[in-house]
Amino acid sequence: MVNAWLATTDAAVDAWIPVGMLVPFAAPPHEPVLDVIAEHDFPEAIAAAKVRSANLARDGCSGPLVVPGADHYFERAATGLAAAVAPFIARALAGECK
């Protein structure tokens, strides 16, 4: 839903972290994006992440992230997921993604 909303809004968004998204971006993102998938994600999520990587901003923050040992539902990987995204959130909110 966020993917579709971001493609049609002019709202200011500081950063976006899609997790396990199964489709390409609806429109090239204008905000920093940390595109998260699990190491053992669904094949569709892994394939879509490869397609999305071409549309990630070259802003020093955006990029793909694979969470080791996780499955699509991030069961027993919540702590690893939080630790992996925290530095991105800190950089994005500090305005370091230029």
PDB file of N, CA and C in Angstrom:
ATOM      1  N   MET A   1       0.817  -1.185   0.000  1.00  0.00           N
ATOM      2  CA  MET A   1       0.000   0.000   0.000  1.00  0.00           C
ATOM      3  C   MET A   1       0.867   1.256   0.000  1.00  0.00           C
ATOM      4  N   VAL A   2       1.948   1.230   0.749  1.00  0.00           N
ATOM      5  CA  VAL A   2       2.849   2.391   0.774  1.00  0.00           C
ATOM      6  C   VAL A   2       3.451   2.607  -0.608  1.00  0.00           C
ATOM      7  N   ASN A   3       3.800   1.529  -1.284  1.00  0.00           N
ATOM      8  CA  ASN A   3       4.354   1.609  -2.629  1.00  0.00           C
ATOM      9  C   ASN A   3       3.412   2.383  -3.557  1.00  0.00           C
ATOM     10  N   ALA A   4       2.144   2.035  -3.558  1.00  0.00           N
ATOM     11  CA  ALA A   4       1.164   2.724  -4.401  1.00  0.00           C
ATOM     12  C   ALA A   4       0.957   4.160  -3.950  1.00  0.00           C
ATOM     13  N   TRP A   5       0.896   4.394  -2.657  1.00  0.00           N
ATOM     14  CA  TRP A   5       0.680   5.740  -2.137  1.00  0.00           C
ATOM     15  C   TRP A   5       1.839   6.666  -2.506  1.00  0.00           C
ATOM     16  N   LEU A   6       3.075   6.188  -2.317  1.00  0.00           N
ATOM     17  CA  LEU A   6       4.228   7.028  -2.643  1.00  0.00           C
ATOM     18  C   LEU A   6       4.287   7.371  -4.125  1.00  0.00           C
ATOM     19  N   ALA A   7       3.757   6.520  -4.971  1.00  0.00           N
ATOM     20  CA  ALA A   7       3.761   6.777  -6.411  1.00  0.00           C
ATOM     21  C   ALA A   7       2.772   7.864  -6.805  1.00  0.00           C
ATOM     22  N   THR A   8       1.824   8.188  -5.918  1.00  0.00           N
ATOM     23  CA  THR A   8       0.775   9.135  -6.295  1.00  0.00           C
ATOM     24  C   THR A   8       0.687  10.365  -5.403  1.00  0.00           C
ATOM     25  N   THR A   9       1.617  10.521  -4.469  1.00  0.00           N
ATOM     26  CA  THR A   9       1.525  11.650  -3.538  1.00  0.00           C
ATOM     27  C   THR A   9       2.712  12.583  -3.688  1.00  0.00           C
ATOM     28  N   ASP A  10       2.516  13.799  -3.271  1.00  0.00           N
ATOM     29  CA  ASP A  10       3.608  14.773  -3.199  1.00  0.00           C
ATOM     30  C   ASP A  10       4.031  14.989  -1.744  1.00  0.00           C
ATOM     31  N   ALA A  11       3.524  14.170  -0.842  1.00  0.00           N
ATOM     32  CA  ALA A  11       3.859  14.312   0.576  1.00  0.00           C
ATOM     33  C   ALA A  11       5.351  14.128   0.795  1.00  0.00           C
ATOM     34  N   ALA A  12       5.887  14.876   1.734  1.00  0.00           N
ATOM     35  CA  ALA A  12       7.301  14.747   2.080  1.00  0.00           C
ATOM     36  C   ALA A  12       7.478  13.535   2.985  1.00  0.00           C
ATOM     37  N   VAL A  13       8.348  12.632   2.564  1.00  0.00           N
ATOM     38  CA  VAL A  13       8.660  11.433   3.331  1.00  0.00           C
ATOM     39  C   VAL A  13      10.166  11.435   3.545  1.00  0.00           C
ATOM     40  N   ASP A  14      10.603  11.291   4.786  1.00  0.00           N
ATOM     41  CA  ASP A  14      12.038  11.343   5.080  1.00  0.00           C
ATOM     42  C   ASP A  14      12.776  10.099   4.623  1.00  0.00           C
ATOM     43  N   ALA A  15      12.136   8.941   4.703  1.00  0.00           N
ATOM     44  CA  ALA A  15      12.777   7.690   4.323  1.00  0.00           C
ATOM     45  C   ALA A  15      11.715   6.603   4.230  1.00  0.00           C
ATOM     46  N   TRP A  16      12.071   5.521   3.536  1.00  0.00           N
ATOM     47  CA  TRP A  16      11.141   4.405   3.369  1.00  0.00           C
ATOM     48  C   TRP A  16      11.917   3.108   3.500  1.00  0.00           C
ATOM     49  N   ILE A  17      11.358   2.165   4.250  1.00  0.00           N
ATOM     50  CA  ILE A  17      11.976   0.851   4.412  1.00  0.00           C
ATOM     51  C   ILE A  17      10.947  -0.217   4.059  1.00  0.00           C
ATOM     52  N   PRO A  18      10.852  -0.591   2.786  1.00  0.00           N
ATOM     53  CA  PRO A  18       9.985  -1.727   2.450  1.00  0.00           C
ATOM     54  C   PRO A  18      10.654  -3.012   2.929  1.00  0.00           C
ATOM     55  N   VAL A  19       9.873  -3.902   3.497  1.00  0.00           N
ATOM     56  CA  VAL A  19      10.398  -5.159   4.030  1.00  0.00           C
ATOM     57  C   VAL A  19       9.703  -6.316   3.322  1.00  0.00           C
ATOM     58  N   GLY A  20      10.481  -7.074   2.565  1.00  0.00           N
ATOM     59  CA  GLY A  20       9.938  -8.250   1.885  1.00  0.00           C
ATOM     60  C   GLY A  20       8.928  -7.921   0.806  1.00  0.00           C
ATOM     61  N   MET A  21       9.066  -6.779   0.162  1.00  0.00           N
ATOM     62  CA  MET A  21       8.113  -6.368  -0.867  1.00  0.00           C
ATOM     63  C   MET A  21       8.205  -7.319  -2.060  1.00  0.00           C
ATOM     64  N   LEU A  22       7.056  -7.717  -2.571  1.00  0.00           N
ATOM     65  CA  LEU A  22       6.988  -8.733  -3.618  1.00  0.00           C
ATOM     66  C   LEU A  22       6.884  -8.173  -5.032  1.00  0.00           C
ATOM     67  N   VAL A  23       6.871  -6.855  -5.177  1.00  0.00           N
ATOM     68  CA  VAL A  23       6.660  -6.229  -6.485  1.00  0.00           C
ATOM     69  C   VAL A  23       7.705  -5.136  -6.722  1.00  0.00           C
ATOM     70  N   PRO A  24       7.851  -4.699  -7.976  1.00  0.00           N
ATOM     71  CA  PRO A  24       8.734  -3.553  -8.249  1.00  0.00           C
ATOM     72  C   PRO A  24       8.140  -2.270  -7.665  1.00  0.00           C
ATOM     73  N   PHE A  25       8.955  -1.209  -7.634  1.00  0.00           N
ATOM     74  CA  PHE A  25       8.440   0.095  -7.224  1.00  0.00           C
ATOM     75  C   PHE A  25       7.364   0.535  -8.205  1.00  0.00           C
ATOM     76  N   ALA A  26       6.288   1.126  -7.697  1.00  0.00           N
ATOM     77  CA  ALA A  26       5.237   1.656  -8.551  1.00  0.00           C
ATOM     78  C   ALA A  26       5.727   2.894  -9.304  1.00  0.00           C
ATOM     79  N   ALA A  27       6.680   3.598  -8.732  1.00  0.00           N
ATOM     80  CA  ALA A  27       7.342   4.752  -9.352  1.00  0.00           C
ATOM     81  C   ALA A  27       8.718   4.858  -8.709  1.00  0.00           C
ATOM     82  N   PRO A  28       9.698   5.397  -9.421  1.00  0.00           N
ATOM     83  CA  PRO A  28      11.019   5.551  -8.802  1.00  0.00           C
ATOM     84  C   PRO A  28      10.903   6.381  -7.518  1.00  0.00           C
ATOM     85  N   PRO A  29      11.483   5.899  -6.432  1.00  0.00           N
ATOM     86  CA  PRO A  29      11.370   6.628  -5.166  1.00  0.00           C
ATOM     87  C   PRO A  29      12.129   7.951  -5.193  1.00  0.00           C
ATOM     88  N   HIS A  30      11.590   8.916  -4.456  1.00  0.00           N
ATOM     89  CA  HIS A  30      12.232  10.230  -4.323  1.00  0.00           C
ATOM     90  C   HIS A  30      12.906  10.386  -2.972  1.00  0.00           C
ATOM     91  N   GLU A  31      12.671   9.452  -2.077  1.00  0.00           N
ATOM     92  CA  GLU A  31      13.222   9.494  -0.731  1.00  0.00           C
ATOM     93  C   GLU A  31      14.259   8.376  -0.582  1.00  0.00           C
ATOM     94  N   PRO A  32      15.123   8.476   0.421  1.00  0.00           N
ATOM     95  CA  PRO A  32      16.053   7.382   0.677  1.00  0.00           C
ATOM     96  C   PRO A  32      15.273   6.096   0.986  1.00  0.00           C
ATOM     97  N   VAL A  33      15.758   4.988   0.439  1.00  0.00           N
ATOM     98  CA  VAL A  33      15.075   3.697   0.606  1.00  0.00           C
ATOM     99  C   VAL A  33      16.083   2.644   1.033  1.00  0.00           C
ATOM    100  N   LEU A  34      15.755   1.948   2.106  1.00  0.00           N
ATOM    101  CA  LEU A  34      16.493   0.751   2.495  1.00  0.00           C
ATOM    102  C   LEU A  34      15.580  -0.417   2.143  1.00  0.00           C
ATOM    103  N   ASP A  35      15.914  -1.131   1.089  1.00  0.00           N
ATOM    104  CA  ASP A  35      15.075  -2.202   0.543  1.00  0.00           C
ATOM    105  C   ASP A  35      15.467  -3.523   1.206  1.00  0.00           C
ATOM    106  N   VAL A  36      14.665  -3.957   2.168  1.00  0.00           N
ATOM    107  CA  VAL A  36      15.000  -5.101   3.015  1.00  0.00           C
ATOM    108  C   VAL A  36      14.309  -6.376   2.534  1.00  0.00           C
ATOM    109  N   ILE A  37      15.103  -7.432   2.416  1.00  0.00           N
ATOM    110  CA  ILE A  37      14.544  -8.763   2.208  1.00  0.00           C
ATOM    111  C   ILE A  37      15.261  -9.717   3.159  1.00  0.00           C
ATOM    112  N   ALA A  38      14.680 -10.876   3.334  1.00  0.00           N
ATOM    113  CA  ALA A  38      15.262 -11.906   4.187  1.00  0.00           C
ATOM    114  C   ALA A  38      16.183 -12.798   3.364  1.00  0.00           C
ATOM    115  N   GLU A  39      17.180 -13.359   4.028  1.00  0.00           N
ATOM    116  CA  GLU A  39      18.090 -14.279   3.343  1.00  0.00           C
ATOM    117  C   GLU A  39      17.322 -15.451   2.727  1.00  0.00           C
ATOM    118  N   HIS A  40      16.304 -15.919   3.419  1.00  0.00           N
ATOM    119  CA  HIS A  40      15.496 -17.053   2.944  1.00  0.00           C
ATOM    120  C   HIS A  40      14.105 -16.575   2.566  1.00  0.00           C
ATOM    121  N   ASP A  41      14.039 -15.464   1.848  1.00  0.00           N
ATOM    122  CA  ASP A  41      12.763 -14.868   1.465  1.00  0.00           C
ATOM    123  C   ASP A  41      12.129 -15.673   0.337  1.00  0.00           C
ATOM    124  N   PHE A  42      10.871 -15.319   0.023  1.00  0.00           N
ATOM    125  CA  PHE A  42      10.188 -15.941  -1.108  1.00  0.00           C
ATOM    126  C   PHE A  42      10.957 -15.625  -2.383  1.00  0.00           C
ATOM    127  N   PRO A  43      10.981 -16.528  -3.348  1.00  0.00           N
ATOM    128  CA  PRO A  43      11.657 -16.247  -4.620  1.00  0.00           C
ATOM    129  C   PRO A  43      11.146 -14.969  -5.287  1.00  0.00           C
ATOM    130  N   GLU A  44       9.850 -14.681  -5.145  1.00  0.00           N
ATOM    131  CA  GLU A  44       9.280 -13.462  -5.741  1.00  0.00           C
ATOM    132  C   GLU A  44       9.866 -12.213  -5.106  1.00  0.00           C
ATOM    133  N   ALA A  45      10.087 -12.234  -3.802  1.00  0.00           N
ATOM    134  CA  ALA A  45      10.664 -11.074  -3.112  1.00  0.00           C
ATOM    135  C   ALA A  45      12.112 -10.860  -3.539  1.00  0.00           C
ATOM    136  N   ILE A  46      12.852 -11.934  -3.666  1.00  0.00           N
ATOM    137  CA  ILE A  46      14.252 -11.830  -4.089  1.00  0.00           C
ATOM    138  C   ILE A  46      14.343 -11.303  -5.518  1.00  0.00           C
ATOM    139  N   ALA A  47      13.499 -11.810  -6.404  1.00  0.00           N
ATOM    140  CA  ALA A  47      13.505 -11.351  -7.799  1.00  0.00           C
ATOM    141  C   ALA A  47      13.083  -9.888  -7.902  1.00  0.00           C
ATOM    142  N   ALA A  48      12.046  -9.493  -7.162  1.00  0.00           N
ATOM    143  CA  ALA A  48      11.574  -8.103  -7.215  1.00  0.00           C
ATOM    144  C   ALA A  48      12.631  -7.150  -6.664  1.00  0.00           C
ATOM    145  N   ALA A  49      13.366  -7.571  -5.630  1.00  0.00           N
ATOM    146  CA  ALA A  49      14.421  -6.723  -5.063  1.00  0.00           C
ATOM    147  C   ALA A  49      15.511  -6.454  -6.091  1.00  0.00           C
ATOM    148  N   LYS A  50      15.824  -7.442  -6.899  1.00  0.00           N
ATOM    149  CA  LYS A  50      16.830  -7.242  -7.950  1.00  0.00           C
ATOM    150  C   LYS A  50      16.360  -6.209  -8.963  1.00  0.00           C
ATOM    151  N   VAL A  51      15.089  -6.244  -9.310  1.00  0.00           N
ATOM    152  CA  VAL A  51      14.526  -5.261 -10.244  1.00  0.00           C
ATOM    153  C   VAL A  51      14.521  -3.870  -9.616  1.00  0.00           C
ATOM    154  N   ARG A  52      14.130  -3.789  -8.340  1.00  0.00           N
ATOM    155  CA  ARG A  52      14.052  -2.490  -7.662  1.00  0.00           C
ATOM    156  C   ARG A  52      15.410  -1.829  -7.494  1.00  0.00           C
ATOM    157  N   SER A  53      16.463  -2.612  -7.393  1.00  0.00           N
ATOM    158  CA  SER A  53      17.782  -2.031  -7.111  1.00  0.00           C
ATOM    159  C   SER A  53      18.202  -1.011  -8.158  1.00  0.00           C
ATOM    160  N   ALA A  54      17.767  -1.170  -9.393  1.00  0.00           N
ATOM    161  CA  ALA A  54      18.103  -0.207 -10.450  1.00  0.00           C
ATOM    162  C   ALA A  54      17.452   1.149 -10.221  1.00  0.00           C
ATOM    163  N   ASN A  55      16.388   1.189  -9.432  1.00  0.00           N
ATOM    164  CA  ASN A  55      15.667   2.442  -9.191  1.00  0.00           C
ATOM    165  C   ASN A  55      15.979   3.092  -7.853  1.00  0.00           C
ATOM    166  N   LEU A  56      16.897   2.520  -7.101  1.00  0.00           N
ATOM    167  CA  LEU A  56      17.255   3.132  -5.823  1.00  0.00           C
ATOM    168  C   LEU A  56      18.099   4.375  -6.053  1.00  0.00           C
ATOM    169  N   ALA A  57      17.849   5.389  -5.256  1.00  0.00           N
ATOM    170  CA  ALA A  57      18.603   6.640  -5.363  1.00  0.00           C
ATOM    171  C   ALA A  57      20.073   6.389  -5.060  1.00  0.00           C
ATOM    172  N   ARG A  58      20.917   7.167  -5.658  1.00  0.00           N
ATOM    173  CA  ARG A  58      22.367   7.133  -5.378  1.00  0.00           C
ATOM    174  C   ARG A  58      22.659   8.279  -4.420  1.00  0.00           C
ATOM    175  N   ASP A  59      22.148   8.131  -3.196  1.00  0.00           N
ATOM    176  CA  ASP A  59      22.192   9.221  -2.227  1.00  0.00           C
ATOM    177  C   ASP A  59      23.091   8.949  -1.019  1.00  0.00           C
ATOM    178  N   GLY A  60      23.852   7.887  -1.049  1.00  0.00           N
ATOM    179  CA  GLY A  60      24.730   7.570   0.056  1.00  0.00           C
ATOM    180  C   GLY A  60      24.057   6.810   1.183  1.00  0.00           C
ATOM    181  N   CYS A  61      22.751   6.639   1.115  1.00  0.00           N
ATOM    182  CA  CYS A  61      22.010   5.888   2.139  1.00  0.00           C
ATOM    183  C   CYS A  61      21.211   4.736   1.546  1.00  0.00           C
ATOM    184  N   SER A  62      20.595   4.972   0.409  1.00  0.00           N
ATOM    185  CA  SER A  62      19.717   3.974  -0.180  1.00  0.00           C
ATOM    186  C   SER A  62      20.484   2.746  -0.627  1.00  0.00           C
ATOM    187  N   GLY A  63      19.817   1.609  -0.527  1.00  0.00           N
ATOM    188  CA  GLY A  63      20.424   0.382  -0.987  1.00  0.00           C
ATOM    189  C   GLY A  63      19.629  -0.827  -0.551  1.00  0.00           C
ATOM    190  N   PRO A  64      20.048  -1.981  -1.032  1.00  0.00           N
ATOM    191  CA  PRO A  64      19.394  -3.218  -0.603  1.00  0.00           C
ATOM    192  C   PRO A  64      19.999  -3.704   0.716  1.00  0.00           C
ATOM    193  N   LEU A  65      19.240  -4.484   1.444  1.00  0.00           N
ATOM    194  CA  LEU A  65      19.733  -5.098   2.673  1.00  0.00           C
ATOM    195  C   LEU A  65      19.127  -6.482   2.799  1.00  0.00           C
ATOM    196  N   VAL A  66      19.966  -7.485   2.947  1.00  0.00           N
ATOM    197  CA  VAL A  66      19.523  -8.853   3.186  1.00  0.00           C
ATOM    198  C   VAL A  66      19.790  -9.173   4.651  1.00  0.00           C
ATOM    199  N   VAL A  67      18.746  -9.569   5.377  1.00  0.00           N
ATOM    200  CA  VAL A  67      18.899  -9.910   6.792  1.00  0.00           C
ATOM    201  C   VAL A  67      19.257 -11.391   6.886  1.00  0.00           C
ATOM    202  N   PRO A  68      20.468 -11.693   7.351  1.00  0.00           N
ATOM    203  CA  PRO A  68      20.926 -13.076   7.418  1.00  0.00           C
ATOM    204  C   PRO A  68      20.057 -13.953   8.319  1.00  0.00           C
ATOM    205  N   GLY A  69      19.831 -15.176   7.850  1.00  0.00           N
ATOM    206  CA  GLY A  69      19.117 -16.169   8.639  1.00  0.00           C
ATOM    207  C   GLY A  69      17.619 -15.987   8.732  1.00  0.00           C
ATOM    208  N   ALA A  70      17.085 -14.897   8.194  1.00  0.00           N
ATOM    209  CA  ALA A  70      15.657 -14.601   8.324  1.00  0.00           C
ATOM    210  C   ALA A  70      14.859 -15.266   7.206  1.00  0.00           C
ATOM    211  N   ASP A  71      13.571 -15.535   7.508  1.00  0.00           N
ATOM    212  CA  ASP A  71      12.638 -15.951   6.470  1.00  0.00           C
ATOM    213  C   ASP A  71      11.731 -14.756   6.157  1.00  0.00           C
ATOM    214  N   HIS A  72      10.815 -14.912   5.239  1.00  0.00           N
ATOM    215  CA  HIS A  72       9.967 -13.793   4.803  1.00  0.00           C
ATOM    216  C   HIS A  72       9.222 -13.133   5.965  1.00  0.00           C
ATOM    217  N   TYR A  73       8.881 -13.907   6.955  1.00  0.00           N
ATOM    218  CA  TYR A  73       8.093 -13.378   8.069  1.00  0.00           C
ATOM    219  C   TYR A  73       8.973 -12.841   9.205  1.00  0.00           C
ATOM    220  N   PHE A  74      10.275 -12.952   9.056  1.00  0.00           N
ATOM    221  CA  PHE A  74      11.251 -12.469  10.036  1.00  0.00           C
ATOM    222  C   PHE A  74      10.985 -13.046  11.430  1.00  0.00           C
ATOM    223  N   GLU A  75      10.463 -14.282  11.451  1.00  0.00           N
ATOM    224  CA  GLU A  75      10.270 -14.970  12.726  1.00  0.00           C
ATOM    225  C   GLU A  75      11.643 -15.189  13.360  1.00  0.00           C
ATOM    226  N   ARG A  76      11.751 -14.914  14.614  1.00  0.00           N
ATOM    227  CA  ARG A  76      13.000 -15.043  15.373  1.00  0.00           C
ATOM    228  C   ARG A  76      14.120 -14.172  14.800  1.00  0.00           C
ATOM    229  N   ALA A  77      13.775 -13.185  13.985  1.00  0.00           N
ATOM    230  CA  ALA A  77      14.793 -12.296  13.413  1.00  0.00           C
ATOM    231  C   ALA A  77      14.456 -10.827  13.645  1.00  0.00           C
ATOM    232  N   ALA A  78      13.481 -10.554  14.505  1.00  0.00           N
ATOM    233  CA  ALA A  78      13.065  -9.172  14.743  1.00  0.00           C
ATOM    234  C   ALA A  78      14.209  -8.327  15.284  1.00  0.00           C
ATOM    235  N   THR A  79      14.986  -8.878  16.179  1.00  0.00           N
ATOM    236  CA  THR A  79      16.107  -8.131  16.749  1.00  0.00           C
ATOM    237  C   THR A  79      17.134  -7.815  15.673  1.00  0.00           C
ATOM    238  N   GLY A  80      17.434  -8.796  14.818  1.00  0.00           N
ATOM    239  CA  GLY A  80      18.375  -8.572  13.719  1.00  0.00           C
ATOM    240  C   GLY A  80      17.851  -7.562  12.721  1.00  0.00           C
ATOM    241  N   LEU A  81      16.560  -7.607  12.449  1.00  0.00           N
ATOM    242  CA  LEU A  81      15.949  -6.646  11.530  1.00  0.00           C
ATOM    243  C   LEU A  81      16.050  -5.241  12.105  1.00  0.00           C
ATOM    244  N   ALA A  82      15.707  -5.074  13.372  1.00  0.00           N
ATOM    245  CA  ALA A  82      15.778  -3.751  14.004  1.00  0.00           C
ATOM    246  C   ALA A  82      17.202  -3.221  14.016  1.00  0.00           C
ATOM    247  N   ALA A  83      18.149  -4.079  14.333  1.00  0.00           N
ATOM    248  CA  ALA A  83      19.557  -3.651  14.369  1.00  0.00           C
ATOM    249  C   ALA A  83      20.053  -3.273  12.977  1.00  0.00           C
ATOM    250  N   ALA A  84      19.548  -3.945  11.953  1.00  0.00           N
ATOM    251  CA  ALA A  84      19.991  -3.673  10.589  1.00  0.00           C
ATOM    252  C   ALA A  84      19.440  -2.356  10.048  1.00  0.00           C
ATOM    253  N   VAL A  85      18.214  -2.001  10.438  1.00  0.00           N
ATOM    254  CA  VAL A  85      17.614  -0.781   9.883  1.00  0.00           C
ATOM    255  C   VAL A  85      17.911   0.466  10.712  1.00  0.00           C
ATOM    256  N   ALA A  86      18.278   0.313  11.973  1.00  0.00           N
ATOM    257  CA  ALA A  86      18.500   1.469  12.855  1.00  0.00           C
ATOM    258  C   ALA A  86      19.526   2.462  12.310  1.00  0.00           C
ATOM    259  N   PRO A  87      20.684   2.014  11.799  1.00  0.00           N
ATOM    260  CA  PRO A  87      21.642   3.001  11.274  1.00  0.00           C
ATOM    261  C   PRO A  87      21.088   3.785  10.080  1.00  0.00           C
ATOM    262  N   PHE A  88      20.320   3.132   9.227  1.00  0.00           N
ATOM    263  CA  PHE A  88      19.712   3.824   8.081  1.00  0.00           C
ATOM    264  C   PHE A  88      18.743   4.898   8.563  1.00  0.00           C
ATOM    265  N   ILE A  89      17.892   4.543   9.506  1.00  0.00           N
ATOM    266  CA  ILE A  89      16.927   5.505  10.029  1.00  0.00           C
ATOM    267  C   ILE A  89      17.656   6.702  10.640  1.00  0.00           C
ATOM    268  N   ALA A  90      18.681   6.447  11.421  1.00  0.00           N
ATOM    269  CA  ALA A  90      19.437   7.533  12.048  1.00  0.00           C
ATOM    270  C   ALA A  90      20.051   8.452  10.993  1.00  0.00           C
ATOM    271  N   ARG A  91      20.665   7.888   9.965  1.00  0.00           N
ATOM    272  CA  ARG A  91      21.277   8.709   8.917  1.00  0.00           C
ATOM    273  C   ARG A  91      20.228   9.500   8.148  1.00  0.00           C
ATOM    274  N   ALA A  92      19.127   8.855   7.800  1.00  0.00           N
ATOM    275  CA  ALA A  92      18.077   9.537   7.025  1.00  0.00           C
ATOM    276  C   ALA A  92      17.468  10.676   7.811  1.00  0.00           C
ATOM    277  N   LEU A  93      17.160  10.454   9.080  1.00  0.00           N
ATOM    278  CA  LEU A  93      16.537  11.505   9.884  1.00  0.00           C
ATOM    279  C   LEU A  93      17.503  12.620  10.254  1.00  0.00           C
ATOM    280  N   ALA A  94      18.800  12.333  10.189  1.00  0.00           N
ATOM    281  CA  ALA A  94      19.816  13.367  10.448  1.00  0.00           C
ATOM    282  C   ALA A  94      20.128  14.170   9.188  1.00  0.00           C
ATOM    283  N   GLY A  95      19.471  13.831   8.083  1.00  0.00           N
ATOM    284  CA  GLY A  95      19.703  14.554   6.837  1.00  0.00           C
ATOM    285  C   GLY A  95      20.995  14.190   6.139  1.00  0.00           C
ATOM    286  N   GLU A  96      21.537  13.012   6.404  1.00  0.00           N
ATOM    287  CA  GLU A  96      22.807  12.603   5.840  1.00  0.00           C
ATOM    288  C   GLU A  96      22.687  11.896   4.488  1.00  0.00           C
ATOM    289  N   CYS A  97      21.508  11.798   3.951  1.00  0.00           N
ATOM    290  CA  CYS A  97      21.293  11.119   2.663  1.00  0.00           C
ATOM    291  C   CYS A  97      21.173  12.167   1.566  1.00  0.00           C
ATOM    292  N   LYS A  98      22.270  12.532   0.977  1.00  0.00           N
ATOM    293  CA  LYS A  98      22.259  13.586  -0.050  1.00  0.00           C
ATOM    294  C   LYS A  98      22.759  13.029  -1.356  1.00  0.00           C
TER     295      LYS A  98
END
